[in-house]
């Protein structure tokens, strides 16, 4: 399975096979041609069983990735992860869950799966996000800080 994190400036990916990560990579995508981006990332990979993508880079990026994946790896299921009201033991505090970035959502789901107790989830990328989870998995709120470079 190919797991993909499309951020505002980078695409990071790993291949999960037989219970472990077997390959990984990353690439800054801001100044690259979107038509050739996926070929540069995954042109030498064997056909995965499935592709899961968390994308915060917008609809054009999603389209570019799908347009490379579908003809290259015919019949491989491609799923773009979306933020949900509740799933995987996490309950989103946002009245409109779609307003929370999928990057924050998957970070909380991952933290919940890993430690299954109250915690703060800190994610440092183009922005720094901090989200709090209660013991029962309820999202208590969070903040986003810009990063200046």
N, C-alpha and C. Protein backbone atom coordinates (compact mmCIF):
# COMPACT_ATOMS: atom_id res chain seq x y z
N UNK A 1 0.85 -1.17 0.00
CA UNK A 1 0.00 0.00 0.00
C UNK A 1 0.90 1.23 0.00
N UNK A 2 0.54 2.22 -0.81
CA UNK A 2 1.26 3.49 -0.87
C UNK A 2 0.49 4.51 -0.04
N UNK A 3 1.16 5.08 0.96
CA UNK A 3 0.58 6.11 1.83
C UNK A 3 1.24 7.43 1.49
N UNK A 4 0.42 8.45 1.20
CA UNK A 4 0.94 9.72 0.69
C UNK A 4 0.43 10.88 1.53
N UNK A 5 1.34 11.77 1.91
CA UNK A 5 1.03 13.00 2.64
C UNK A 5 1.41 14.17 1.74
N UNK A 6 0.41 14.85 1.19
CA UNK A 6 0.66 15.99 0.31
C UNK A 6 0.45 17.25 1.14
N UNK A 7 1.56 17.90 1.49
CA UNK A 7 1.51 19.13 2.27
C UNK A 7 1.54 20.35 1.37
N UNK A 8 1.67 21.50 1.98
CA UNK A 8 1.72 22.74 1.21
C UNK A 8 2.99 22.89 0.39
N UNK A 9 4.07 22.27 0.82
CA UNK A 9 5.32 22.41 0.09
C UNK A 9 5.97 21.08 -0.29
N UNK A 10 5.67 20.00 0.42
CA UNK A 10 6.29 18.70 0.14
C UNK A 10 5.26 17.60 -0.01
N UNK A 11 5.67 16.58 -0.76
CA UNK A 11 4.94 15.31 -0.78
C UNK A 11 5.85 14.29 -0.11
N UNK A 12 5.31 13.63 0.92
CA UNK A 12 6.05 12.57 1.61
C UNK A 12 5.27 11.28 1.41
N UNK A 13 5.97 10.16 1.23
CA UNK A 13 5.28 8.91 0.98
C UNK A 13 6.06 7.74 1.57
N UNK A 14 5.31 6.67 1.86
CA UNK A 14 5.90 5.41 2.29
C UNK A 14 5.13 4.26 1.64
N UNK A 15 5.82 3.16 1.46
CA UNK A 15 5.18 1.92 1.02
C UNK A 15 5.09 1.01 2.23
N UNK A 16 3.89 0.52 2.52
CA UNK A 16 3.64 -0.38 3.64
C UNK A 16 3.39 -1.77 3.07
N UNK A 17 4.27 -2.72 3.39
CA UNK A 17 4.14 -4.09 2.90
C UNK A 17 4.49 -5.06 4.03
N UNK A 18 3.69 -6.08 4.16
CA UNK A 18 3.97 -7.14 5.13
C UNK A 18 4.26 -6.60 6.54
N UNK A 19 3.47 -5.61 6.95
CA UNK A 19 3.59 -5.10 8.31
C UNK A 19 4.75 -4.17 8.58
N UNK A 20 5.38 -3.65 7.51
CA UNK A 20 6.49 -2.71 7.74
C UNK A 20 6.62 -1.75 6.56
N UNK A 21 7.32 -0.65 6.81
CA UNK A 21 7.61 0.31 5.76
C UNK A 21 8.80 -0.19 4.96
N UNK A 22 8.65 -0.31 3.65
CA UNK A 22 9.73 -0.86 2.83
C UNK A 22 10.42 0.19 1.97
N UNK A 23 9.72 1.25 1.62
CA UNK A 23 10.33 2.35 0.86
C UNK A 23 9.70 3.65 1.31
N UNK A 24 10.45 4.72 1.13
CA UNK A 24 9.92 6.04 1.49
C UNK A 24 10.61 7.10 0.66
N UNK A 25 10.00 8.26 0.61
CA UNK A 25 10.62 9.36 -0.11
C UNK A 25 9.88 10.66 0.14
N UNK A 26 10.47 11.74 -0.33
CA UNK A 26 9.82 13.05 -0.23
C UNK A 26 10.37 13.93 -1.34
N UNK A 27 9.60 14.94 -1.68
CA UNK A 27 9.96 15.84 -2.76
C UNK A 27 9.25 17.17 -2.55
N UNK A 28 9.98 18.27 -2.69
CA UNK A 28 9.34 19.59 -2.68
C UNK A 28 8.60 19.75 -4.00
N UNK A 29 7.34 20.13 -3.93
CA UNK A 29 6.52 20.16 -5.14
C UNK A 29 6.14 21.55 -5.62
N UNK A 30 6.41 22.57 -4.88
CA UNK A 30 5.90 23.90 -5.23
C UNK A 30 6.30 24.39 -6.61
N UNK A 31 7.51 24.11 -7.03
CA UNK A 31 7.98 24.66 -8.30
C UNK A 31 8.08 23.60 -9.39
N UNK A 32 7.48 22.44 -9.17
CA UNK A 32 7.56 21.36 -10.15
C UNK A 32 6.32 21.33 -11.03
N UNK A 33 6.48 20.85 -12.21
CA UNK A 33 5.39 20.66 -13.15
C UNK A 33 4.50 19.53 -12.62
N UNK A 34 3.24 19.82 -12.38
CA UNK A 34 2.36 18.82 -11.78
C UNK A 34 2.13 17.61 -12.69
N UNK A 35 2.28 17.79 -13.99
CA UNK A 35 2.08 16.67 -14.91
C UNK A 35 3.17 15.61 -14.76
N UNK A 36 4.37 16.00 -14.37
CA UNK A 36 5.48 15.04 -14.26
C UNK A 36 5.84 14.73 -12.81
N UNK A 37 5.18 15.37 -11.88
CA UNK A 37 5.49 15.21 -10.46
C UNK A 37 5.38 13.75 -10.01
N UNK A 38 4.26 13.10 -10.28
CA UNK A 38 4.06 11.73 -9.82
C UNK A 38 5.07 10.78 -10.44
N UNK A 39 5.42 10.99 -11.70
CA UNK A 39 6.43 10.14 -12.34
C UNK A 39 7.76 10.26 -11.61
N UNK A 40 8.13 11.46 -11.21
CA UNK A 40 9.38 11.66 -10.47
C UNK A 40 9.32 11.00 -9.10
N UNK A 41 8.14 11.01 -8.48
CA UNK A 41 7.99 10.41 -7.16
C UNK A 41 7.97 8.89 -7.20
N UNK A 42 7.16 8.34 -8.09
CA UNK A 42 6.83 6.91 -8.02
C UNK A 42 7.07 6.14 -9.31
N UNK A 43 7.75 6.71 -10.26
CA UNK A 43 7.95 6.06 -11.55
C UNK A 43 8.62 4.70 -11.46
N UNK A 44 9.41 4.47 -10.43
CA UNK A 44 10.12 3.19 -10.32
C UNK A 44 9.48 2.23 -9.30
N UNK A 45 8.32 2.60 -8.76
CA UNK A 45 7.66 1.72 -7.79
C UNK A 45 6.88 0.62 -8.49
N UNK A 46 6.81 -0.54 -7.84
CA UNK A 46 5.91 -1.58 -8.31
C UNK A 46 4.49 -1.17 -7.99
N UNK A 47 3.56 -1.72 -8.72
CA UNK A 47 2.14 -1.42 -8.54
C UNK A 47 1.72 -1.74 -7.10
N UNK A 48 1.24 -0.74 -6.36
CA UNK A 48 0.79 -0.99 -4.99
C UNK A 48 -0.60 -1.64 -4.98
N UNK A 49 -0.97 -2.20 -3.85
CA UNK A 49 -2.30 -2.79 -3.71
C UNK A 49 -3.38 -1.72 -3.54
N UNK A 50 -2.97 -0.56 -3.04
CA UNK A 50 -3.91 0.52 -2.72
C UNK A 50 -3.11 1.80 -2.55
N UNK A 51 -3.76 2.95 -2.75
CA UNK A 51 -3.12 4.24 -2.52
C UNK A 51 -4.04 5.07 -1.62
N UNK A 52 -3.50 5.53 -0.49
CA UNK A 52 -4.22 6.43 0.42
C UNK A 52 -3.50 7.76 0.43
N UNK A 53 -4.24 8.84 0.19
CA UNK A 53 -3.64 10.16 0.07
C UNK A 53 -4.32 11.14 1.02
N UNK A 54 -3.52 11.83 1.84
CA UNK A 54 -3.99 12.97 2.63
C UNK A 54 -3.42 14.21 1.95
N UNK A 55 -4.29 15.06 1.42
CA UNK A 55 -3.87 16.17 0.57
C UNK A 55 -4.39 17.50 1.10
N UNK A 56 -3.48 18.43 1.40
CA UNK A 56 -3.88 19.79 1.75
C UNK A 56 -3.46 20.79 0.67
N UNK A 57 -2.93 20.30 -0.44
CA UNK A 57 -2.40 21.18 -1.50
C UNK A 57 -3.45 21.57 -2.54
N UNK A 58 -4.68 21.16 -2.38
CA UNK A 58 -5.74 21.62 -3.25
C UNK A 58 -6.17 20.64 -4.34
N UNK A 59 -7.25 21.04 -5.02
CA UNK A 59 -7.89 20.18 -6.02
C UNK A 59 -7.01 19.93 -7.23
N UNK A 60 -6.23 20.92 -7.67
CA UNK A 60 -5.37 20.71 -8.84
C UNK A 60 -4.33 19.64 -8.56
N UNK A 61 -3.77 19.63 -7.37
CA UNK A 61 -2.80 18.61 -7.01
C UNK A 61 -3.47 17.24 -6.97
N UNK A 62 -4.65 17.16 -6.38
CA UNK A 62 -5.37 15.88 -6.32
C UNK A 62 -5.63 15.35 -7.73
N UNK A 63 -6.05 16.23 -8.62
CA UNK A 63 -6.31 15.83 -10.00
C UNK A 63 -5.05 15.34 -10.68
N UNK A 64 -3.95 16.06 -10.51
CA UNK A 64 -2.68 15.65 -11.13
C UNK A 64 -2.23 14.28 -10.65
N UNK A 65 -2.36 14.02 -9.36
CA UNK A 65 -1.96 12.72 -8.82
C UNK A 65 -2.87 11.61 -9.35
N UNK A 66 -4.17 11.85 -9.31
CA UNK A 66 -5.13 10.85 -9.80
C UNK A 66 -4.90 10.56 -11.29
N UNK A 67 -4.63 11.60 -12.07
CA UNK A 67 -4.44 11.42 -13.52
C UNK A 67 -3.17 10.65 -13.84
N UNK A 68 -2.21 10.60 -12.93
CA UNK A 68 -1.03 9.77 -13.14
C UNK A 68 -1.26 8.36 -12.60
N UNK A 69 -1.83 8.26 -11.41
CA UNK A 69 -2.00 6.96 -10.75
C UNK A 69 -2.94 6.05 -11.53
N UNK A 70 -4.11 6.55 -11.91
CA UNK A 70 -5.13 5.67 -12.50
C UNK A 70 -4.68 4.98 -13.79
N UNK A 71 -4.09 5.67 -14.77
CA UNK A 71 -3.64 4.93 -15.95
C UNK A 71 -2.35 4.13 -15.73
N UNK A 72 -1.51 4.59 -14.82
CA UNK A 72 -0.23 3.91 -14.58
C UNK A 72 -0.43 2.61 -13.82
N UNK A 73 -1.26 2.65 -12.79
CA UNK A 73 -1.55 1.47 -11.98
C UNK A 73 -3.03 1.14 -12.10
N UNK A 74 -3.46 0.72 -13.26
CA UNK A 74 -4.88 0.46 -13.54
C UNK A 74 -5.50 -0.42 -12.46
N UNK A 75 -6.69 -0.05 -12.06
CA UNK A 75 -7.52 -0.79 -11.10
C UNK A 75 -6.98 -0.77 -9.67
N UNK A 76 -5.96 0.04 -9.37
CA UNK A 76 -5.52 0.19 -7.99
C UNK A 76 -6.47 1.17 -7.30
N UNK A 77 -7.09 0.78 -6.19
CA UNK A 77 -7.97 1.71 -5.50
C UNK A 77 -7.20 2.93 -4.98
N UNK A 78 -7.73 4.11 -5.26
CA UNK A 78 -7.15 5.37 -4.80
C UNK A 78 -8.17 6.03 -3.90
N UNK A 79 -7.76 6.36 -2.68
CA UNK A 79 -8.66 7.02 -1.75
C UNK A 79 -8.00 8.28 -1.21
N UNK A 80 -8.71 9.40 -1.34
CA UNK A 80 -8.28 10.64 -0.73
C UNK A 80 -8.96 10.71 0.64
N UNK A 81 -8.15 10.72 1.68
CA UNK A 81 -8.66 10.75 3.05
C UNK A 81 -9.33 12.09 3.29
N UNK A 82 -10.44 12.08 4.02
CA UNK A 82 -11.13 13.31 4.37
C UNK A 82 -11.30 13.39 5.89
N UNK A 83 -11.41 14.60 6.37
CA UNK A 83 -11.66 14.82 7.80
C UNK A 83 -13.10 14.42 8.10
N UNK A 84 -13.29 13.73 9.20
CA UNK A 84 -14.61 13.22 9.56
C UNK A 84 -15.07 13.79 10.90
N UNK A 85 -16.37 13.67 11.16
CA UNK A 85 -16.92 14.11 12.45
C UNK A 85 -16.42 13.19 13.57
N UNK A 86 -16.36 11.90 13.28
CA UNK A 86 -15.87 10.93 14.26
C UNK A 86 -15.49 9.65 13.53
N UNK A 87 -14.35 9.10 13.92
CA UNK A 87 -13.91 7.80 13.40
C UNK A 87 -12.60 7.43 14.09
N UNK A 88 -12.28 6.16 14.09
CA UNK A 88 -11.02 5.66 14.63
C UNK A 88 -10.80 6.07 16.09
N UNK A 89 -11.89 6.25 16.83
CA UNK A 89 -11.77 6.61 18.24
C UNK A 89 -11.54 8.09 18.50
N UNK A 90 -11.65 8.92 17.45
CA UNK A 90 -11.47 10.38 17.60
C UNK A 90 -12.78 11.06 17.23
N UNK A 91 -13.20 12.03 18.04
CA UNK A 91 -14.41 12.81 17.78
C UNK A 91 -14.01 14.27 17.56
N UNK A 92 -14.23 14.76 16.36
CA UNK A 92 -13.84 16.10 15.95
C UNK A 92 -14.71 17.15 16.64
N UNK A 93 -14.11 18.22 17.14
CA UNK A 93 -14.86 19.29 17.81
C UNK A 93 -15.42 20.32 16.84
N UNK A 94 -14.99 20.29 15.59
CA UNK A 94 -15.46 21.29 14.63
C UNK A 94 -16.93 21.03 14.27
N UNK A 95 -17.79 22.06 14.31
CA UNK A 95 -19.17 21.88 13.87
C UNK A 95 -19.24 21.42 12.41
N UNK A 96 -18.33 21.92 11.58
CA UNK A 96 -18.21 21.48 10.19
C UNK A 96 -16.85 20.80 10.04
N UNK A 97 -16.79 19.48 10.17
CA UNK A 97 -15.50 18.78 10.17
C UNK A 97 -14.62 19.07 8.95
N UNK A 98 -15.22 19.36 7.81
CA UNK A 98 -14.44 19.63 6.60
C UNK A 98 -13.58 20.87 6.73
N UNK A 99 -13.86 21.73 7.73
CA UNK A 99 -13.05 22.93 7.92
C UNK A 99 -11.71 22.63 8.58
N UNK A 100 -11.56 21.44 9.16
CA UNK A 100 -10.28 21.05 9.74
C UNK A 100 -9.44 20.40 8.64
N UNK A 101 -8.21 20.81 8.51
CA UNK A 101 -7.32 20.21 7.52
C UNK A 101 -7.12 18.73 7.77
N UNK A 102 -7.09 17.96 6.70
CA UNK A 102 -6.93 16.52 6.81
C UNK A 102 -5.59 16.15 7.46
N UNK A 103 -4.60 17.03 7.34
CA UNK A 103 -3.31 16.76 7.99
C UNK A 103 -3.46 16.73 9.51
N UNK A 104 -4.24 17.65 10.05
CA UNK A 104 -4.49 17.66 11.50
C UNK A 104 -5.30 16.43 11.91
N UNK A 105 -6.30 16.09 11.10
CA UNK A 105 -7.15 14.94 11.39
C UNK A 105 -6.33 13.64 11.47
N UNK A 106 -5.52 13.39 10.45
CA UNK A 106 -4.76 12.13 10.45
C UNK A 106 -3.69 12.12 11.55
N UNK A 107 -3.16 13.29 11.91
CA UNK A 107 -2.20 13.34 13.02
C UNK A 107 -2.89 12.94 14.33
N UNK A 108 -4.12 13.42 14.54
CA UNK A 108 -4.85 13.04 15.76
C UNK A 108 -5.22 11.57 15.75
N UNK A 109 -5.67 11.07 14.61
CA UNK A 109 -6.01 9.64 14.51
C UNK A 109 -4.77 8.79 14.79
N UNK A 110 -3.64 9.18 14.23
CA UNK A 110 -2.40 8.45 14.47
C UNK A 110 -1.98 8.47 15.93
N UNK A 111 -2.10 9.63 16.57
CA UNK A 111 -1.75 9.74 17.99
C UNK A 111 -2.67 8.88 18.83
N UNK A 112 -3.94 8.91 18.53
CA UNK A 112 -4.92 8.10 19.27
C UNK A 112 -4.62 6.61 19.14
N UNK A 113 -4.30 6.19 17.93
CA UNK A 113 -4.00 4.77 17.70
C UNK A 113 -2.72 4.35 18.42
N UNK A 114 -1.79 5.27 18.51
CA UNK A 114 -0.49 4.93 19.09
C UNK A 114 -0.51 4.90 20.62
N UNK A 115 -1.15 5.90 21.26
CA UNK A 115 -1.07 5.96 22.72
C UNK A 115 -2.40 5.79 23.44
N UNK A 116 -3.53 6.02 22.75
CA UNK A 116 -4.86 5.77 23.31
C UNK A 116 -5.06 6.39 24.70
N UNK A 117 -4.61 7.63 24.86
CA UNK A 117 -4.85 8.37 26.09
C UNK A 117 -4.85 9.86 25.77
N UNK A 118 -5.17 10.69 26.75
CA UNK A 118 -5.17 12.13 26.53
C UNK A 118 -3.79 12.58 26.07
N UNK A 119 -3.78 13.52 25.14
CA UNK A 119 -2.48 13.99 24.63
C UNK A 119 -2.63 15.30 23.87
N UNK A 120 -1.51 15.94 23.63
CA UNK A 120 -1.41 17.07 22.71
C UNK A 120 -0.68 16.56 21.48
N UNK A 121 -1.22 16.89 20.33
CA UNK A 121 -0.63 16.47 19.06
C UNK A 121 -0.02 17.70 18.41
N UNK A 122 1.29 17.69 18.23
CA UNK A 122 2.01 18.81 17.64
C UNK A 122 2.52 18.38 16.29
N UNK A 123 2.20 19.15 15.26
CA UNK A 123 2.62 18.85 13.90
C UNK A 123 3.34 20.08 13.35
N UNK A 124 4.58 19.90 12.96
CA UNK A 124 5.40 21.01 12.46
C UNK A 124 5.66 20.84 10.97
N UNK A 125 5.16 21.76 10.21
CA UNK A 125 5.36 21.75 8.76
C UNK A 125 5.41 23.18 8.28
N UNK A 126 4.66 23.48 7.23
CA UNK A 126 4.57 24.86 6.75
C UNK A 126 3.94 25.74 7.82
N UNK A 127 3.11 25.12 8.66
CA UNK A 127 2.56 25.75 9.86
C UNK A 127 2.78 24.79 11.02
N UNK A 128 2.65 25.31 12.23
CA UNK A 128 2.71 24.46 13.42
C UNK A 128 1.29 24.35 13.96
N UNK A 129 0.81 23.13 14.13
CA UNK A 129 -0.52 22.93 14.70
C UNK A 129 -0.38 22.18 16.02
N UNK A 130 -1.23 22.55 16.96
CA UNK A 130 -1.30 21.86 18.25
C UNK A 130 -2.77 21.56 18.51
N UNK A 131 -3.09 20.29 18.70
CA UNK A 131 -4.46 19.87 18.99
C UNK A 131 -4.45 19.02 20.25
N UNK A 132 -5.50 19.17 21.06
CA UNK A 132 -5.62 18.41 22.30
C UNK A 132 -6.70 17.34 22.15
N UNK A 133 -6.37 16.13 22.60
CA UNK A 133 -7.33 15.03 22.64
C UNK A 133 -7.56 14.61 24.08
N UNK A 134 -8.82 14.41 24.45
CA UNK A 134 -9.17 13.91 25.78
C UNK A 134 -8.96 12.40 25.83
N UNK A 135 -9.02 11.85 27.02
CA UNK A 135 -8.86 10.41 27.20
C UNK A 135 -9.84 9.61 26.36
N UNK A 136 -11.07 10.12 26.20
CA UNK A 136 -12.08 9.40 25.42
C UNK A 136 -11.97 9.64 23.91
N UNK A 137 -10.95 10.39 23.47
CA UNK A 137 -10.76 10.66 22.05
C UNK A 137 -11.45 11.91 21.55
N UNK A 138 -12.09 12.66 22.43
CA UNK A 138 -12.73 13.91 22.03
C UNK A 138 -11.67 14.96 21.72
N UNK A 139 -11.83 15.62 20.60
CA UNK A 139 -10.95 16.73 20.24
C UNK A 139 -11.38 17.93 21.09
N UNK A 140 -10.46 18.46 21.86
CA UNK A 140 -10.76 19.57 22.77
C UNK A 140 -10.50 20.93 22.14
N UNK A 141 -9.90 20.94 20.97
CA UNK A 141 -9.58 22.19 20.29
C UNK A 141 -8.12 22.22 19.90
N UNK A 142 -7.77 23.27 19.19
CA UNK A 142 -6.39 23.38 18.74
C UNK A 142 -6.08 24.76 18.21
N UNK A 143 -4.82 24.95 17.87
CA UNK A 143 -4.35 26.23 17.33
C UNK A 143 -3.41 25.96 16.16
N UNK A 144 -3.32 26.96 15.31
CA UNK A 144 -2.40 26.92 14.16
C UNK A 144 -1.53 28.16 14.23
N UNK A 145 -0.22 27.96 14.14
CA UNK A 145 0.74 29.06 14.13
C UNK A 145 1.46 29.08 12.79
N UNK A 146 1.58 30.26 12.18
CA UNK A 146 2.36 30.31 10.94
C UNK A 146 3.84 30.14 11.24
N UNK A 147 4.56 29.64 10.27
CA UNK A 147 6.02 29.50 10.38
C UNK A 147 6.63 30.49 9.41
N UNK A 148 7.55 31.28 9.90
CA UNK A 148 8.21 32.27 9.05
C UNK A 148 9.59 31.75 8.69
N UNK A 149 9.89 31.76 7.41
CA UNK A 149 11.22 31.27 7.00
C UNK A 149 11.95 32.32 6.19
